[in-house]
Amino acid sequence: MDTEKAPRAWIGEKVSVVWGRDPERVPCVLIDVVPEGIVIEKVSTTEVEGKTYEGTVRALISWNALGSIQKVVDWKEKDDQG
């Protein structure tokens, strides 16, 4: 994967990424596209001794580890009545 597959125009936008061996999409914000990969920011929650903590995490995902990145450009409510 190279920088052409993660558009700089998406910086600051909500995206979802897949990386490593975990096939689950992770919702996050694209912070930067750098020669080494992409920088993302996401909210992470953890529980320690019965208390819940929430924090903002930034991570660099290397091009080798990145499986995919996608951005939803439009959501519309679907009318069930046809």
N, C-alpha and C. Protein backbone atom coordinates (compact mmCIF):
# COMPACT_ATOMS: atom_id res chain seq x y z
N MET A 1 0.86 -1.18 0.00
CA MET A 1 0.00 0.00 0.00
C MET A 1 0.90 1.23 0.00
N ASP A 2 0.45 2.30 -0.64
CA ASP A 2 1.23 3.53 -0.65
C ASP A 2 0.33 4.72 -0.38
N THR A 3 0.92 5.90 -0.39
CA THR A 3 0.16 7.10 -0.04
C THR A 3 -0.99 7.40 -0.99
N GLU A 4 -0.97 6.86 -2.18
CA GLU A 4 -2.06 7.07 -3.12
C GLU A 4 -3.34 6.37 -2.67
N LYS A 5 -3.24 5.39 -1.79
CA LYS A 5 -4.42 4.63 -1.37
C LYS A 5 -5.05 5.20 -0.11
N ALA A 6 -4.47 6.22 0.47
CA ALA A 6 -5.06 6.91 1.62
C ALA A 6 -5.06 8.40 1.29
N PRO A 7 -6.13 8.86 0.70
CA PRO A 7 -6.17 10.24 0.20
C PRO A 7 -5.96 11.29 1.30
N ARG A 8 -5.05 12.21 1.03
CA ARG A 8 -4.81 13.31 1.97
C ARG A 8 -6.08 14.14 2.16
N ALA A 9 -6.97 14.12 1.21
CA ALA A 9 -8.23 14.87 1.33
C ALA A 9 -9.08 14.35 2.48
N TRP A 10 -8.83 13.14 2.95
CA TRP A 10 -9.59 12.56 4.05
C TRP A 10 -9.06 12.96 5.42
N ILE A 11 -7.93 13.63 5.47
CA ILE A 11 -7.36 14.04 6.76
C ILE A 11 -8.38 14.88 7.51
N GLY A 12 -8.59 14.51 8.77
CA GLY A 12 -9.58 15.19 9.62
C GLY A 12 -10.97 14.57 9.53
N GLU A 13 -11.16 13.62 8.64
CA GLU A 13 -12.46 12.99 8.43
C GLU A 13 -12.56 11.67 9.20
N LYS A 14 -13.81 11.26 9.46
CA LYS A 14 -14.06 9.95 10.07
C LYS A 14 -13.88 8.88 9.01
N VAL A 15 -13.09 7.87 9.36
CA VAL A 15 -12.84 6.75 8.47
C VAL A 15 -12.93 5.47 9.29
N SER A 16 -12.82 4.34 8.63
CA SER A 16 -12.67 3.08 9.35
C SER A 16 -11.51 2.34 8.71
N VAL A 17 -10.71 1.68 9.55
CA VAL A 17 -9.53 1.00 9.06
C VAL A 17 -9.49 -0.44 9.55
N VAL A 18 -8.80 -1.26 8.79
CA VAL A 18 -8.51 -2.64 9.17
C VAL A 18 -7.00 -2.78 9.10
N TRP A 19 -6.41 -3.33 10.17
CA TRP A 19 -4.97 -3.56 10.12
C TRP A 19 -4.60 -4.79 10.93
N GLY A 20 -3.41 -5.26 10.68
CA GLY A 20 -2.93 -6.43 11.39
C GLY A 20 -3.74 -7.66 11.04
N ARG A 21 -3.86 -8.57 11.98
CA ARG A 21 -4.58 -9.83 11.74
C ARG A 21 -6.05 -9.75 12.11
N ASP A 22 -6.47 -8.64 12.72
CA ASP A 22 -7.86 -8.49 13.16
C ASP A 22 -8.71 -7.95 12.00
N PRO A 23 -9.70 -8.71 11.53
CA PRO A 23 -10.50 -8.26 10.39
C PRO A 23 -11.57 -7.22 10.75
N GLU A 24 -11.69 -6.86 12.02
CA GLU A 24 -12.72 -5.91 12.45
C GLU A 24 -12.34 -4.48 12.05
N ARG A 25 -13.33 -3.77 11.49
CA ARG A 25 -13.12 -2.36 11.14
C ARG A 25 -13.11 -1.51 12.40
N VAL A 26 -12.18 -0.57 12.46
CA VAL A 26 -12.06 0.32 13.62
C VAL A 26 -12.42 1.73 13.18
N PRO A 27 -13.50 2.31 13.77
CA PRO A 27 -13.84 3.69 13.44
C PRO A 27 -12.83 4.63 14.09
N CYS A 28 -12.40 5.65 13.34
CA CYS A 28 -11.39 6.58 13.84
C CYS A 28 -11.40 7.83 12.98
N VAL A 29 -10.48 8.74 13.28
CA VAL A 29 -10.29 9.94 12.49
C VAL A 29 -8.90 9.85 11.87
N LEU A 30 -8.80 10.12 10.58
CA LEU A 30 -7.51 10.13 9.90
C LEU A 30 -6.81 11.44 10.24
N ILE A 31 -5.67 11.36 10.91
CA ILE A 31 -4.93 12.55 11.34
C ILE A 31 -3.90 12.97 10.30
N ASP A 32 -3.20 11.98 9.71
CA ASP A 32 -2.16 12.33 8.74
C ASP A 32 -1.84 11.14 7.86
N VAL A 33 -1.28 11.42 6.69
CA VAL A 33 -0.74 10.41 5.79
C VAL A 33 0.75 10.73 5.69
N VAL A 34 1.58 9.81 6.15
CA VAL A 34 3.03 10.03 6.20
C VAL A 34 3.74 8.94 5.41
N PRO A 35 5.01 9.12 5.10
CA PRO A 35 5.72 8.09 4.33
C PRO A 35 5.67 6.70 4.97
N GLU A 36 5.60 6.64 6.31
CA GLU A 36 5.59 5.37 7.01
C GLU A 36 4.22 4.70 7.03
N GLY A 37 3.15 5.46 6.82
CA GLY A 37 1.80 4.90 6.88
C GLY A 37 0.77 5.99 7.16
N ILE A 38 -0.23 5.66 7.98
CA ILE A 38 -1.25 6.64 8.34
C ILE A 38 -1.27 6.82 9.86
N VAL A 39 -1.66 8.01 10.29
CA VAL A 39 -1.83 8.30 11.70
C VAL A 39 -3.32 8.45 11.95
N ILE A 40 -3.83 7.68 12.92
CA ILE A 40 -5.25 7.74 13.25
C ILE A 40 -5.43 8.17 14.70
N GLU A 41 -6.64 8.63 15.00
CA GLU A 41 -7.01 8.98 16.38
C GLU A 41 -8.35 8.33 16.68
N LYS A 42 -8.43 7.68 17.85
CA LYS A 42 -9.69 7.05 18.23
C LYS A 42 -9.87 7.14 19.73
N VAL A 43 -11.11 7.02 20.15
CA VAL A 43 -11.44 7.01 21.57
C VAL A 43 -11.36 5.56 22.05
N SER A 44 -10.66 5.36 23.13
CA SER A 44 -10.49 4.03 23.68
C SER A 44 -11.03 4.01 25.11
N THR A 45 -11.71 2.93 25.46
CA THR A 45 -12.27 2.77 26.80
C THR A 45 -11.69 1.52 27.44
N THR A 46 -11.35 1.63 28.72
CA THR A 46 -10.84 0.48 29.46
C THR A 46 -11.40 0.49 30.87
N GLU A 47 -11.48 -0.67 31.46
CA GLU A 47 -11.98 -0.78 32.83
C GLU A 47 -10.88 -1.34 33.71
N VAL A 48 -10.63 -0.66 34.85
CA VAL A 48 -9.61 -1.08 35.81
C VAL A 48 -10.23 -1.04 37.20
N GLU A 49 -10.25 -2.17 37.85
CA GLU A 49 -10.77 -2.28 39.22
C GLU A 49 -12.16 -1.65 39.38
N GLY A 50 -13.03 -1.95 38.43
CA GLY A 50 -14.41 -1.48 38.51
C GLY A 50 -14.64 -0.05 38.05
N LYS A 51 -13.58 0.65 37.67
CA LYS A 51 -13.73 2.03 37.17
C LYS A 51 -13.47 2.04 35.67
N THR A 52 -14.28 2.81 34.95
CA THR A 52 -14.14 2.92 33.50
C THR A 52 -13.40 4.20 33.15
N TYR A 53 -12.40 4.06 32.30
CA TYR A 53 -11.61 5.19 31.85
C TYR A 53 -11.74 5.31 30.34
N GLU A 54 -11.78 6.54 29.86
CA GLU A 54 -11.87 6.81 28.43
C GLU A 54 -10.76 7.78 28.06
N GLY A 55 -10.11 7.52 26.97
CA GLY A 55 -9.03 8.39 26.52
C GLY A 55 -8.93 8.42 25.02
N THR A 56 -8.24 9.41 24.52
CA THR A 56 -8.00 9.53 23.09
C THR A 56 -6.63 8.95 22.79
N VAL A 57 -6.58 8.08 21.80
CA VAL A 57 -5.36 7.39 21.43
C VAL A 57 -5.00 7.76 19.99
N ARG A 58 -3.74 8.05 19.75
CA ARG A 58 -3.24 8.23 18.38
C ARG A 58 -2.30 7.09 18.07
N ALA A 59 -2.39 6.57 16.86
CA ALA A 59 -1.55 5.45 16.47
C ALA A 59 -1.07 5.62 15.04
N LEU A 60 0.15 5.16 14.81
CA LEU A 60 0.71 5.09 13.46
C LEU A 60 0.51 3.67 12.97
N ILE A 61 -0.17 3.53 11.85
CA ILE A 61 -0.35 2.21 11.24
C ILE A 61 0.52 2.17 9.99
N SER A 62 1.49 1.28 9.98
CA SER A 62 2.41 1.20 8.85
C SER A 62 1.69 0.70 7.60
N TRP A 63 2.24 1.02 6.44
CA TRP A 63 1.65 0.58 5.19
C TRP A 63 1.61 -0.95 5.13
N ASN A 64 2.61 -1.61 5.69
CA ASN A 64 2.64 -3.08 5.67
C ASN A 64 1.51 -3.68 6.49
N ALA A 65 1.14 -3.02 7.59
CA ALA A 65 0.10 -3.55 8.48
C ALA A 65 -1.30 -3.17 8.03
N LEU A 66 -1.43 -2.08 7.30
CA LEU A 66 -2.75 -1.57 6.90
C LEU A 66 -3.41 -2.48 5.88
N GLY A 67 -4.60 -2.97 6.23
CA GLY A 67 -5.36 -3.81 5.31
C GLY A 67 -6.23 -2.98 4.39
N SER A 68 -6.98 -2.02 4.98
CA SER A 68 -7.84 -1.16 4.17
C SER A 68 -8.24 0.07 4.98
N ILE A 69 -8.65 1.07 4.25
CA ILE A 69 -9.18 2.29 4.84
C ILE A 69 -10.38 2.70 4.00
N GLN A 70 -11.47 3.08 4.65
CA GLN A 70 -12.64 3.51 3.89
C GLN A 70 -13.33 4.66 4.60
N LYS A 71 -14.01 5.45 3.83
CA LYS A 71 -14.74 6.59 4.34
C LYS A 71 -16.16 6.53 3.80
N VAL A 72 -17.13 6.62 4.71
CA VAL A 72 -18.53 6.68 4.28
C VAL A 72 -18.80 8.12 3.86
N VAL A 73 -19.28 8.30 2.66
CA VAL A 73 -19.51 9.64 2.15
C VAL A 73 -20.96 10.09 2.26
N ASP A 74 -21.88 9.13 2.43
CA ASP A 74 -23.29 9.53 2.51
C ASP A 74 -24.11 8.43 3.16
N TRP A 75 -24.88 8.80 4.15
CA TRP A 75 -25.84 7.90 4.80
C TRP A 75 -27.22 8.48 4.63
N LYS A 76 -28.18 7.64 4.29
CA LYS A 76 -29.56 8.08 4.19
C LYS A 76 -30.43 7.09 4.93
N GLU A 77 -31.47 7.60 5.57
CA GLU A 77 -32.42 6.73 6.24
C GLU A 77 -33.23 5.99 5.20
N LYS A 78 -33.35 4.70 5.38
CA LYS A 78 -34.09 3.89 4.42
C LYS A 78 -35.55 3.82 4.89
N ASP A 79 -36.45 4.12 3.98
CA ASP A 79 -37.88 4.06 4.27
C ASP A 79 -38.36 2.63 4.12
N ASP A 80 -38.79 2.02 5.23
CA ASP A 80 -39.23 0.62 5.21
C ASP A 80 -40.54 0.41 4.46
N GLN A 81 -41.27 1.48 4.17
CA GLN A 81 -42.57 1.35 3.54
C GLN A 81 -42.50 1.39 2.01
N GLY A 82 -41.28 1.42 1.50
CA GLY A 82 -41.12 1.27 0.08
C GLY A 82 -41.18 2.46 -0.76
